[in-house]
PDB file of N, CA and C in Angstrom:
ATOM      1  N   UNK A   1       1.314  14.322  -0.643  1.00  0.00           N
ATOM      2  CA  UNK A   1       1.288  13.044  -0.459  1.00  0.00           C
ATOM      3  C   UNK A   1       0.623  12.670   0.949  1.00  0.00           C
ATOM      4  N   UNK A   2      -0.489  12.347   1.404  1.00  0.00           N
ATOM      5  CA  UNK A   2      -0.500  11.738   2.710  1.00  0.00           C
ATOM      6  C   UNK A   2      -1.284  10.359   3.009  1.00  0.00           C
ATOM      7  N   UNK A   3      -0.546  10.060   3.860  1.00  0.00           N
ATOM      8  CA  UNK A   3      -0.707   8.481   4.201  1.00  0.00           C
ATOM      9  C   UNK A   3      -0.690   8.277   5.970  1.00  0.00           C
ATOM     10  N   UNK A   4      -2.247   7.827   6.184  1.00  0.00           N
ATOM     11  CA  UNK A   4      -2.309   7.620   7.908  1.00  0.00           C
ATOM     12  C   UNK A   4      -2.183   5.991   8.162  1.00  0.00           C
ATOM     13  N   UNK A   5      -1.282   5.862   8.921  1.00  0.00           N
ATOM     14  CA  UNK A   5      -1.859   4.367   9.388  1.00  0.00           C
ATOM     15  C   UNK A   5      -2.855   4.452  10.574  1.00  0.00           C
ATOM     16  N   UNK A   6      -3.730   3.243  10.540  1.00  0.00           N
ATOM     17  CA  UNK A   6      -4.770   2.997  11.272  1.00  0.00           C
ATOM     18  C   UNK A   6      -4.804   3.112  12.758  1.00  0.00           C
ATOM     19  N   UNK A   7      -3.435   1.981  12.900  1.00  0.00           N
ATOM     20  CA  UNK A   7      -2.451   1.622  14.027  1.00  0.00           C
ATOM     21  C   UNK A   7      -1.754   1.704  13.967  1.00  0.00           C
ATOM     22  N   UNK A   8      -0.370   2.289  15.150  1.00  0.00           N
ATOM     23  CA  UNK A   8       0.593   1.685  15.577  1.00  0.00           C
ATOM     24  C   UNK A   8       1.237   0.397  15.703  1.00  0.00           C
ATOM     25  N   UNK A   9       2.734   0.313  15.248  1.00  0.00           N
ATOM     26  CA  UNK A   9       3.025  -0.410  15.545  1.00  0.00           C
ATOM     27  C   UNK A   9       3.366  -0.956  16.834  1.00  0.00           C
ATOM     28  N   UNK A  10       3.309  -2.377  17.521  1.00  0.00           N
ATOM     29  CA  UNK A  10       3.365  -2.807  18.576  1.00  0.00           C
ATOM     30  C   UNK A  10       1.941  -3.567  19.197  1.00  0.00           C
ATOM     31  N   UNK A  11       2.313  -3.617  20.383  1.00  0.00           N
ATOM     32  CA  UNK A  11       1.281  -4.648  21.671  1.00  0.00           C
ATOM     33  C   UNK A  11       0.046  -4.407  21.117  1.00  0.00           C
ATOM     34  N   UNK A  12      -0.891  -5.431  20.790  1.00  0.00           N
ATOM     35  CA  UNK A  12      -2.346  -4.817  20.792  1.00  0.00           C
ATOM     36  C   UNK A  12      -2.965  -4.773  19.345  1.00  0.00           C
ATOM     37  N   UNK A  13      -1.948  -4.681  18.400  1.00  0.00           N
ATOM     38  CA  UNK A  13      -2.197  -5.007  17.064  1.00  0.00           C
ATOM     39  C   UNK A  13      -2.230  -6.638  16.733  1.00  0.00           C
ATOM     40  N   UNK A  14      -3.431  -6.297  15.478  1.00  0.00           N
ATOM     41  CA  UNK A  14      -3.812  -7.289  14.986  1.00  0.00           C
ATOM     42  C   UNK A  14      -2.530  -7.902  13.950  1.00  0.00           C
ATOM     43  N   UNK A  15      -2.033  -9.052  14.237  1.00  0.00           N
ATOM     44  CA  UNK A  15      -0.908  -9.442  13.605  1.00  0.00           C
ATOM     45  C   UNK A  15      -1.023 -10.116  11.827  1.00  0.00           C
ATOM     46  N   UNK A  16      -2.484 -10.068  11.697  1.00  0.00           N
ATOM     47  CA  UNK A  16      -2.714 -10.465  10.580  1.00  0.00           C
ATOM     48  C   UNK A  16      -3.197  -9.587   9.667  1.00  0.00           C
ATOM     49  N   UNK A  17      -3.706  -8.437  10.403  1.00  0.00           N
ATOM     50  CA  UNK A  17      -4.625  -7.251   8.974  1.00  0.00           C
ATOM     51  C   UNK A  17      -4.178  -5.957   9.617  1.00  0.00           C
ATOM     52  N   UNK A  18      -3.850  -5.205   8.809  1.00  0.00           N
ATOM     53  CA  UNK A  18      -3.506  -3.723   8.930  1.00  0.00           C
ATOM     54  C   UNK A  18      -3.935  -2.901   8.002  1.00  0.00           C
ATOM     55  N   UNK A  19      -4.772  -1.735   8.663  1.00  0.00           N
ATOM     56  CA  UNK A  19      -5.249  -0.693   7.827  1.00  0.00           C
ATOM     57  C   UNK A  19      -4.668   0.368   7.751  1.00  0.00           C
ATOM     58  N   UNK A  20      -4.888   0.732   6.495  1.00  0.00           N
ATOM     59  CA  UNK A  20      -4.275   2.566   6.361  1.00  0.00           C
ATOM     60  C   UNK A  20      -4.627   2.814   5.104  1.00  0.00           C
ATOM     61  N   UNK A  21      -4.686   4.335   5.147  1.00  0.00           N
ATOM     62  CA  UNK A  21      -5.046   5.199   3.934  1.00  0.00           C
ATOM     63  C   UNK A  21      -3.856   5.969   3.216  1.00  0.00           C
ATOM     64  N   UNK A  22      -4.620   6.121   1.945  1.00  0.00           N
ATOM     65  CA  UNK A  22      -3.339   6.649   1.098  1.00  0.00           C
ATOM     66  C   UNK A  22      -4.010   7.808   0.032  1.00  0.00           C
ATOM     67  N   UNK A  23      -3.801   9.237  -0.051  1.00  0.00           N
ATOM     68  CA  UNK A  23      -4.270   9.584  -0.670  1.00  0.00           C
ATOM     69  C   UNK A  23      -3.896   9.102  -2.185  1.00  0.00           C
ATOM     70  N   UNK A  24      -4.330   9.109  -3.324  1.00  0.00           N
ATOM     71  CA  UNK A  24      -4.553   9.199  -4.564  1.00  0.00           C
ATOM     72  C   UNK A  24      -3.158   9.438  -5.350  1.00  0.00           C
ATOM     73  N   UNK A  25      -2.235   9.592  -5.951  1.00  0.00           N
ATOM     74  CA  UNK A  25      -1.225   9.873  -6.024  1.00  0.00           C
ATOM     75  C   UNK A  25      -0.625   9.007  -6.698  1.00  0.00           C
ATOM     76  N   UNK A  26       1.277   9.243  -8.136  1.00  0.00           N
ATOM     77  CA  UNK A  26       1.725   8.864  -9.062  1.00  0.00           C
ATOM     78  C   UNK A  26       2.485   7.573  -8.580  1.00  0.00           C
ATOM     79  N   UNK A  27       2.056   7.683  -6.563  1.00  0.00           N
ATOM     80  CA  UNK A  27       2.687   6.542  -6.416  1.00  0.00           C
ATOM     81  C   UNK A  27       2.479   5.980  -4.883  1.00  0.00           C
ATOM     82  N   UNK A  28       2.723   4.715  -4.601  1.00  0.00           N
ATOM     83  CA  UNK A  28       1.866   4.824  -3.594  1.00  0.00           C
ATOM     84  C   UNK A  28       3.492   4.536  -2.478  1.00  0.00           C
ATOM     85  N   UNK A  29       3.485   4.947  -1.722  1.00  0.00           N
ATOM     86  CA  UNK A  29       4.435   4.506  -0.428  1.00  0.00           C
ATOM     87  C   UNK A  29       4.278   4.118   0.485  1.00  0.00           C
ATOM     88  N   UNK A  30       4.766   2.960   0.808  1.00  0.00           N
ATOM     89  CA  UNK A  30       3.959   1.736   1.470  1.00  0.00           C
ATOM     90  C   UNK A  30       4.192   1.829   3.229  1.00  0.00           C
ATOM     91  N   UNK A  31       3.515   2.065   3.673  1.00  0.00           N
ATOM     92  CA  UNK A  31       3.559   2.300   5.082  1.00  0.00           C
ATOM     93  C   UNK A  31       4.578   1.475   6.309  1.00  0.00           C
ATOM     94  N   UNK A  32       5.715   1.647   7.052  1.00  0.00           N
ATOM     95  CA  UNK A  32       6.472   1.485   7.781  1.00  0.00           C
ATOM     96  C   UNK A  32       5.765  -0.309   8.249  1.00  0.00           C
ATOM     97  N   UNK A  33       4.820  -0.362   8.854  1.00  0.00           N
ATOM     98  CA  UNK A  33       4.343  -1.367   9.253  1.00  0.00           C
ATOM     99  C   UNK A  33       4.065  -2.621   8.359  1.00  0.00           C
ATOM    100  N   UNK A  34       4.188  -2.295   7.017  1.00  0.00           N
ATOM    101  CA  UNK A  34       3.614  -3.404   5.785  1.00  0.00           C
ATOM    102  C   UNK A  34       4.908  -3.848   5.304  1.00  0.00           C
ATOM    103  N   UNK A  35       5.894  -2.512   5.253  1.00  0.00           N
ATOM    104  CA  UNK A  35       7.260  -2.729   4.999  1.00  0.00           C
ATOM    105  C   UNK A  35       7.731  -3.954   6.344  1.00  0.00           C
ATOM    106  N   UNK A  36       7.582  -3.656   6.906  1.00  0.00           N
ATOM    107  CA  UNK A  36       8.105  -4.770   7.936  1.00  0.00           C
ATOM    108  C   UNK A  36       7.622  -6.064   7.999  1.00  0.00           C
ATOM    109  N   UNK A  37       5.917  -6.448   7.965  1.00  0.00           N
ATOM    110  CA  UNK A  37       5.007  -7.238   7.678  1.00  0.00           C
ATOM    111  C   UNK A  37       5.551  -8.041   6.762  1.00  0.00           C
ATOM    112  N   UNK A  38       5.915  -7.135   5.294  1.00  0.00           N
ATOM    113  CA  UNK A  38       5.912  -8.060   4.045  1.00  0.00           C
ATOM    114  C   UNK A  38       7.838  -8.334   3.794  1.00  0.00           C
ATOM    115  N   UNK A  39       8.376  -7.701   4.910  1.00  0.00           N
ATOM    116  CA  UNK A  39       9.732  -8.513   4.998  1.00  0.00           C
ATOM    117  C   UNK A  39      11.056  -7.731   3.830  1.00  0.00           C
ATOM    118  N   UNK A  40      10.235  -6.658   3.456  1.00  0.00           N
ATOM    119  CA  UNK A  40      10.909  -5.868   2.191  1.00  0.00           C
ATOM    120  C   UNK A  40      11.977  -5.253   2.676  1.00  0.00           C
ATOM    121  N   UNK A  41      12.272  -4.828   3.573  1.00  0.00           N
ATOM    122  CA  UNK A  41      13.855  -4.309   4.274  1.00  0.00           C
ATOM    123  C   UNK A  41      14.874  -5.564   3.943  1.00  0.00           C
ATOM    124  N   UNK A  42      14.294  -6.714   4.319  1.00  0.00           N
ATOM    125  CA  UNK A  42      15.312  -7.512   4.324  1.00  0.00           C
ATOM    126  C   UNK A  42      15.561  -8.172   2.328  1.00  0.00           C
ATOM    127  N   UNK A  43      14.184  -8.421   1.678  1.00  0.00           N
ATOM    128  CA  UNK A  43      14.428  -8.766   0.593  1.00  0.00           C
ATOM    129  C   UNK A  43      13.317  -7.819  -0.268  1.00  0.00           C
ATOM    130  N   UNK A  44      13.782  -7.449  -1.769  1.00  0.00           N
ATOM    131  CA  UNK A  44      12.641  -6.845  -2.187  1.00  0.00           C
ATOM    132  C   UNK A  44      12.276  -7.937  -2.977  1.00  0.00           C
ATOM    133  N   UNK A  45      10.756  -7.820  -3.014  1.00  0.00           N
ATOM    134  CA  UNK A  45       9.754  -8.950  -3.399  1.00  0.00           C
ATOM    135  C   UNK A  45       8.115  -8.558  -3.767  1.00  0.00           C
ATOM    136  N   UNK A  46       7.621  -9.473  -4.635  1.00  0.00           N
ATOM    137  CA  UNK A  46       6.535  -8.487  -5.405  1.00  0.00           C
ATOM    138  C   UNK A  46       5.913  -8.647  -4.030  1.00  0.00           C
ATOM    139  N   UNK A  47       4.717  -8.078  -4.120  1.00  0.00           N
ATOM    140  CA  UNK A  47       2.924  -8.082  -3.148  1.00  0.00           C
ATOM    141  C   UNK A  47       1.582  -7.746  -4.469  1.00  0.00           C
ATOM    142  N   UNK A  48       0.996  -8.711  -4.295  1.00  0.00           N
ATOM    143  CA  UNK A  48      -0.278  -9.013  -4.385  1.00  0.00           C
ATOM    144  C   UNK A  48      -1.498  -7.545  -4.246  1.00  0.00           C
ATOM    145  N   UNK A  49      -2.096  -6.718  -5.013  1.00  0.00           N
ATOM    146  CA  UNK A  49      -2.749  -6.053  -5.028  1.00  0.00           C
ATOM    147  C   UNK A  49      -4.116  -6.005  -5.325  1.00  0.00           C
ATOM    148  N   UNK A  50      -5.062  -6.437  -4.629  1.00  0.00           N
ATOM    149  CA  UNK A  50      -6.447  -6.090  -4.948  1.00  0.00           C
ATOM    150  C   UNK A  50      -7.228  -4.949  -5.340  1.00  0.00           C
ATOM    151  N   UNK A  51      -8.098  -5.026  -6.343  1.00  0.00           N
ATOM    152  CA  UNK A  51      -8.975  -3.935  -6.571  1.00  0.00           C
ATOM    153  C   UNK A  51     -10.249  -3.940  -5.594  1.00  0.00           C
ATOM    154  N   UNK A  52     -11.427  -2.995  -6.134  1.00  0.00           N
ATOM    155  CA  UNK A  52     -12.414  -3.007  -5.296  1.00  0.00           C
ATOM    156  C   UNK A  52     -13.227  -4.084  -5.787  1.00  0.00           C
ATOM    157  N   UNK A  53     -13.092  -4.756  -7.020  1.00  0.00           N
ATOM    158  CA  UNK A  53     -13.641  -5.798  -7.350  1.00  0.00           C
ATOM    159  C   UNK A  53     -13.341  -7.199  -6.886  1.00  0.00           C
ATOM    160  N   UNK A  54     -12.021  -6.511  -6.000  1.00  0.00           N
ATOM    161  CA  UNK A  54     -11.429  -8.706  -6.107  1.00  0.00           C
ATOM    162  C   UNK A  54     -10.640  -8.996  -6.863  1.00  0.00           C
ATOM    163  N   UNK A  55     -10.126  -8.178  -8.176  1.00  0.00           N
ATOM    164  CA  UNK A  55      -9.157  -8.520  -9.319  1.00  0.00           C
ATOM    165  C   UNK A  55      -8.167  -8.379  -8.255  1.00  0.00           C
ATOM    166  N   UNK A  56      -7.476  -9.244  -8.738  1.00  0.00           N
ATOM    167  CA  UNK A  56      -5.605  -9.305  -7.940  1.00  0.00           C
ATOM    168  C   UNK A  56      -4.560  -9.105  -8.984  1.00  0.00           C
ATOM    169  N   UNK A  57      -3.733  -8.330  -8.795  1.00  0.00           N
ATOM    170  CA  UNK A  57      -2.501  -7.938 -10.130  1.00  0.00           C
ATOM    171  C   UNK A  57      -0.985  -8.298  -9.031  1.00  0.00           C
ATOM    172  N   UNK A  58      -0.371  -8.557  -9.887  1.00  0.00           N
ATOM    173  CA  UNK A  58       1.314  -8.472  -8.811  1.00  0.00           C
ATOM    174  C   UNK A  58       2.049  -7.840  -9.161  1.00  0.00           C
ATOM    175  N   UNK A  59       2.448  -6.821  -8.198  1.00  0.00           N
ATOM    176  CA  UNK A  59       3.058  -5.591  -8.705  1.00  0.00           C
ATOM    177  C   UNK A  59       4.570  -5.733  -8.120  1.00  0.00           C
ATOM    178  N   UNK A  60       5.391  -5.980  -8.525  1.00  0.00           N
ATOM    179  CA  UNK A  60       7.183  -5.541  -7.957  1.00  0.00           C
ATOM    180  C   UNK A  60       7.151  -4.381  -6.909  1.00  0.00           C
ATOM    181  N   UNK A  61       8.120  -4.436  -6.308  1.00  0.00           N
ATOM    182  CA  UNK A  61       8.071  -3.490  -5.246  1.00  0.00           C
ATOM    183  C   UNK A  61       9.878  -2.984  -5.766  1.00  0.00           C
ATOM    184  N   UNK A  62      10.023  -1.748  -5.003  1.00  0.00           N
ATOM    185  CA  UNK A  62      11.174  -0.804  -5.126  1.00  0.00           C
ATOM    186  C   UNK A  62      11.291   0.141  -4.291  1.00  0.00           C
ATOM    187  N   UNK A  63      12.581   0.301  -4.326  1.00  0.00           N
ATOM    188  CA  UNK A  63      12.590   1.385  -3.191  1.00  0.00           C
ATOM    189  C   UNK A  63      12.834   3.086  -4.226  1.00  0.00           C
ATOM    190  N   UNK A  64      12.695   4.075  -3.418  1.00  0.00           N
ATOM    191  CA  UNK A  64      13.173   5.343  -4.019  1.00  0.00           C
ATOM    192  C   UNK A  64      13.453   6.044  -2.449  1.00  0.00           C
ATOM    193  N   UNK A  65      14.479   7.046  -3.023  1.00  0.00           N
ATOM    194  CA  UNK A  65      14.892   7.839  -2.147  1.00  0.00           C
ATOM    195  C   UNK A  65      14.505   9.642  -2.289  1.00  0.00           C
ATOM    196  N   UNK A  66      14.346   9.978  -1.309  1.00  0.00           N
ATOM    197  CA  UNK A  66      13.026  11.050  -1.661  1.00  0.00           C
ATOM    198  C   UNK A  66      13.470  11.936  -0.268  1.00  0.00           C
ATOM    199  N   UNK A  67      14.366  12.835   0.210  1.00  0.00           N
ATOM    200  CA  UNK A  67      14.688  13.982   0.397  1.00  0.00           C
ATOM    201  C   UNK A  67      15.716  13.187   1.607  1.00  0.00           C
ATOM    202  N   UNK A  68      16.562  12.138   1.228  1.00  0.00           N
ATOM    203  CA  UNK A  68      16.961  11.860   2.060  1.00  0.00           C
ATOM    204  C   UNK A  68      16.955   9.964   2.678  1.00  0.00           C
ATOM    205  N   UNK A  69      15.256  10.118   2.414  1.00  0.00           N
ATOM    206  CA  UNK A  69      15.016   8.736   3.238  1.00  0.00           C
ATOM    207  C   UNK A  69      14.426   7.801   1.926  1.00  0.00           C
ATOM    208  N   UNK A  70      14.655   6.619   2.650  1.00  0.00           N
ATOM    209  CA  UNK A  70      14.556   5.928   1.777  1.00  0.00           C
ATOM    210  C   UNK A  70      12.540   5.262   2.076  1.00  0.00           C
ATOM    211  N   UNK A  71      11.964   5.102   0.492  1.00  0.00           N
ATOM    212  CA  UNK A  71      10.583   5.041   0.647  1.00  0.00           C
ATOM    213  C   UNK A  71      10.595   3.389  -0.225  1.00  0.00           C
ATOM    214  N   UNK A  72       9.570   2.629   0.527  1.00  0.00           N
ATOM    215  CA  UNK A  72       9.419   1.668  -0.267  1.00  0.00           C
ATOM    216  C   UNK A  72       7.924   2.092  -0.852  1.00  0.00           C
ATOM    217  N   UNK A  73       8.127   1.439  -2.067  1.00  0.00           N
ATOM    218  CA  UNK A  73       6.819   1.420  -3.239  1.00  0.00           C
ATOM    219  C   UNK A  73       6.763   1.008  -4.048  1.00  0.00           C
ATOM    220  N   UNK A  74       5.238   0.551  -4.465  1.00  0.00           N
ATOM    221  CA  UNK A  74       4.364  -0.389  -6.166  1.00  0.00           C
ATOM    222  C   UNK A  74       4.914   0.188  -6.785  1.00  0.00           C
ATOM    223  N   UNK A  75       5.872  -0.650  -7.585  1.00  0.00           N
ATOM    224  CA  UNK A  75       6.724  -0.315  -8.983  1.00  0.00           C
ATOM    225  C   UNK A  75       5.072  -0.468 -10.182  1.00  0.00           C
ATOM    226  N   UNK A  76       5.075   0.494 -10.558  1.00  0.00           N
ATOM    227  CA  UNK A  76       3.538   0.200 -11.848  1.00  0.00           C
ATOM    228  C   UNK A  76       2.007   0.790 -11.179  1.00  0.00           C
ATOM    229  N   UNK A  77       2.462   1.646  -9.895  1.00  0.00           N
ATOM    230  CA  UNK A  77       1.615   2.263  -8.897  1.00  0.00           C
ATOM    231  C   UNK A  77       0.428   3.277 -10.537  1.00  0.00           C
ATOM    232  N   UNK A  78       1.099   3.599 -11.387  1.00  0.00           N
ATOM    233  CA  UNK A  78       0.560   4.466 -12.205  1.00  0.00           C
ATOM    234  C   UNK A  78      -1.159   4.002 -13.081  1.00  0.00           C
ATOM    235  N   UNK A  79      -0.649   2.444 -13.298  1.00  0.00           N
ATOM    236  CA  UNK A  79      -1.331   1.733 -13.738  1.00  0.00           C
ATOM    237  C   UNK A  79      -2.338   0.955 -13.494  1.00  0.00           C
ATOM    238  N   UNK A  80      -2.231   0.830 -12.073  1.00  0.00           N
ATOM    239  CA  UNK A  80      -3.027   0.343 -10.489  1.00  0.00           C
ATOM    240  C   UNK A  80      -3.922   1.428 -11.059  1.00  0.00           C
ATOM    241  N   UNK A  81      -3.583   3.125 -10.871  1.00  0.00           N
ATOM    242  CA  UNK A  81      -4.879   4.020 -10.611  1.00  0.00           C
ATOM    243  C   UNK A  81      -5.080   4.413 -12.114  1.00  0.00           C
ATOM    244  N   UNK A  82      -5.048   4.251 -13.148  1.00  0.00           N
ATOM    245  CA  UNK A  82      -5.448   4.320 -14.271  1.00  0.00           C
ATOM    246  C   UNK A  82      -6.344   3.217 -15.087  1.00  0.00           C
ATOM    247  N   UNK A  83      -5.844   2.056 -14.373  1.00  0.00           N
ATOM    248  CA  UNK A  83      -7.007   0.695 -14.361  1.00  0.00           C
ATOM    249  C   UNK A  83      -7.599   0.561 -13.794  1.00  0.00           C
ATOM    250  N   UNK A  84      -7.800   1.546 -12.560  1.00  0.00           N
ATOM    251  CA  UNK A  84      -9.327   1.033 -11.737  1.00  0.00           C
ATOM    252  C   UNK A  84      -9.990   2.987 -11.784  1.00  0.00           C
ATOM    253  N   UNK A  85      -9.562   3.611 -12.719  1.00  0.00           N
ATOM    254  CA  UNK A  85     -10.227   4.785 -12.923  1.00  0.00           C
ATOM    255  C   UNK A  85     -10.135   5.531 -11.531  1.00  0.00           C
ATOM    256  N   UNK A  86      -9.020   5.263 -10.740  1.00  0.00           N
ATOM    257  CA  UNK A  86      -8.686   6.156  -9.419  1.00  0.00           C
ATOM    258  C   UNK A  86      -7.871   7.562 -10.038  1.00  0.00           C
ATOM    259  N   UNK A  87      -8.855   8.561  -8.884  1.00  0.00           N
ATOM    260  CA  UNK A  87      -8.010   9.762  -9.154  1.00  0.00           C
ATOM    261  C   UNK A  87      -7.075  10.304  -8.696  1.00  0.00           C
ATOM    262  N   UNK A  88      -6.168  11.257  -8.844  1.00  0.00           N
ATOM    263  CA  UNK A  88      -5.622  12.169  -7.770  1.00  0.00           C
ATOM    264  C   UNK A  88      -6.313  12.706  -6.965  1.00  0.00           C
ATOM    265  N   UNK A  89      -5.819  12.502  -5.582  1.00  0.00           N
ATOM    266  CA  UNK A  89      -7.180  13.338  -4.763  1.00  0.00           C
ATOM    267  C   UNK A  89      -7.703  12.382  -3.997  1.00  0.00           C
ATOM    268  N   UNK A  90      -8.362  11.428  -4.665  1.00  0.00           N
ATOM    269  CA  UNK A  90      -9.055  10.113  -4.100  1.00  0.00           C
ATOM    270  C   UNK A  90      -8.439   9.607  -2.593  1.00  0.00           C
ATOM    271  N   UNK A  91      -9.050   9.548  -1.470  1.00  0.00           N
ATOM    272  CA  UNK A  91      -8.378   8.607  -0.694  1.00  0.00           C
ATOM    273  C   UNK A  91      -8.934   7.279  -0.656  1.00  0.00           C
ATOM    274  N   UNK A  92      -8.001   6.583  -0.512  1.00  0.00           N
ATOM    275  CA  UNK A  92      -7.798   5.189  -0.560  1.00  0.00           C
ATOM    276  C   UNK A  92      -7.793   4.453   0.574  1.00  0.00           C
ATOM    277  N   UNK A  93      -8.576   3.818   0.582  1.00  0.00           N
ATOM    278  CA  UNK A  93      -8.515   2.533   2.135  1.00  0.00           C
ATOM    279  C   UNK A  93      -8.051   1.508   2.154  1.00  0.00           C
ATOM    280  N   UNK A  94      -7.076   1.095   2.450  1.00  0.00           N
ATOM    281  CA  UNK A  94      -6.268  -0.379   2.428  1.00  0.00           C
ATOM    282  C   UNK A  94      -6.205  -1.656   3.384  1.00  0.00           C
ATOM    283  N   UNK A  95      -6.698  -2.305   2.894  1.00  0.00           N
ATOM    284  CA  UNK A  95      -6.020  -3.473   4.511  1.00  0.00           C
ATOM    285  C   UNK A  95      -4.748  -4.323   3.967  1.00  0.00           C
ATOM    286  N   UNK A  96      -3.778  -4.476   4.587  1.00  0.00           N
ATOM    287  CA  UNK A  96      -2.823  -5.085   3.989  1.00  0.00           C
ATOM    288  C   UNK A  96      -3.169  -6.458   4.877  1.00  0.00           C
ATOM    289  N   UNK A  97      -3.094  -7.592   4.311  1.00  0.00           N
ATOM    290  CA  UNK A  97      -3.588  -8.994   4.970  1.00  0.00           C
ATOM    291  C   UNK A  97      -1.882  -9.716   5.048  1.00  0.00           C
ATOM    292  N   UNK A  98      -1.466 -10.137   6.131  1.00  0.00           N
ATOM    293  CA  UNK A  98      -0.181 -10.434   6.118  1.00  0.00           C
ATOM    294  C   UNK A  98      -0.134 -11.575   5.379  1.00  0.00           C
ATOM    295  N   UNK A  99      -0.849 -12.855   5.430  1.00  0.00           N
ATOM    296  CA  UNK A  99      -0.729 -14.191   5.691  1.00  0.00           C
ATOM    297  C   UNK A  99      -0.565 -14.492   3.982  1.00  0.00           C
ATOM    298  N   UNK A 100      -1.088 -13.190   3.375  1.00  0.00           N
ATOM    299  CA  UNK A 100      -1.385 -13.299   1.735  1.00  0.00           C
ATOM    300  C   UNK A 100      -0.234 -12.643   1.293  1.00  0.00           C
ATOM    301  N   UNK A 101       0.872 -11.696   2.314  1.00  0.00           N
ATOM    302  CA  UNK A 101       1.360 -10.333   1.279  1.00  0.00           C
ATOM    303  C   UNK A 101       0.383 -10.006   0.230  1.00  0.00           C
ATOM    304  N   UNK A 102      -0.690  -9.507   0.768  1.00  0.00           N
ATOM    305  CA  UNK A 102      -1.531  -8.717  -0.205  1.00  0.00           C
ATOM    306  C   UNK A 102      -2.043  -7.512   0.301  1.00  0.00           C
ATOM    307  N   UNK A 103      -2.323  -6.537  -0.612  1.00  0.00           N
ATOM    308  CA  UNK A 103      -2.820  -5.297  -0.321  1.00  0.00           C
ATOM    309  C   UNK A 103      -4.108  -5.395  -0.808  1.00  0.00           C
ATOM    310  N   UNK A 104      -5.146  -5.122   0.058  1.00  0.00           N
ATOM    311  CA  UNK A 104      -6.573  -5.058  -0.596  1.00  0.00           C
ATOM    312  C   UNK A 104      -7.311  -3.536  -0.479  1.00  0.00           C
ATOM    313  N   UNK A 105      -7.512  -3.162  -1.343  1.00  0.00           N
ATOM    314  CA  UNK A 105      -8.343  -1.721  -1.540  1.00  0.00           C
ATOM    315  C   UNK A 105      -9.776  -2.094  -1.385  1.00  0.00           C
ATOM    316  N   UNK A 106     -10.298  -1.442  -0.099  1.00  0.00           N
ATOM    317  CA  UNK A 106     -11.417  -1.612   0.368  1.00  0.00           C
ATOM    318  C   UNK A 106     -12.558  -0.554   0.062  1.00  0.00           C
ATOM    319  N   UNK A 107     -12.393   0.738  -0.227  1.00  0.00           N
ATOM    320  CA  UNK A 107     -13.083   1.980  -0.608  1.00  0.00           C
ATOM    321  C   UNK A 107     -12.266   3.193  -1.007  1.00  0.00           C
ATOM    322  N   UNK A 108     -13.546   3.595  -1.293  1.00  0.00           N
ATOM    323  CA  UNK A 108     -12.652   4.988  -2.360  1.00  0.00           C
ATOM    324  C   UNK A 108     -13.614   6.081  -2.024  1.00  0.00           C
ATOM    325  N   UNK A 109     -12.821   7.202  -1.552  1.00  0.00           N
ATOM    326  CA  UNK A 109     -13.602   8.781  -1.118  1.00  0.00           C
ATOM    327  C   UNK A 109     -13.286   9.543  -1.850  1.00  0.00           C
ATOM    328  N   UNK A 110     -13.896  10.451  -2.158  1.00  0.00           N
ATOM    329  CA  UNK A 110     -13.782  11.932  -2.969  1.00  0.00           C
ATOM    330  C   UNK A 110     -13.364  12.522  -1.709  1.00  0.00           C
ATOM    331  N   UNK A 111     -12.101  13.258  -2.307  1.00  0.00           N
ATOM    332  CA  UNK A 111     -12.124  14.479  -1.572  1.00  0.00           C
ATOM    333  C   UNK A 111     -12.395  15.891  -1.670  1.00  0.00           C
TER     334      UNK A 111
END
């Protein structure tokens, strides 16, 4: 699994939009910045996910323990991958929109 945030937390960061990318996989581990902005560490709550054509679905979030580390993930991610004909290994480019608590899929590139 590969996940890269385009910006680091801190000064000079856009308060509304956070761009990140993730290699297509069986789950979507949310970047720390998204967890923070969505308030997931205080209370697990649903997030909206918008596909590349603009359709929006709401997914529950959950935690998983992996190698002793807590990860926040989208529950039902495999369904999103399948419904949108995304393949394992595709590079998925997202923007998290803070005010809407929404993850937007902007682009998909083949690896």
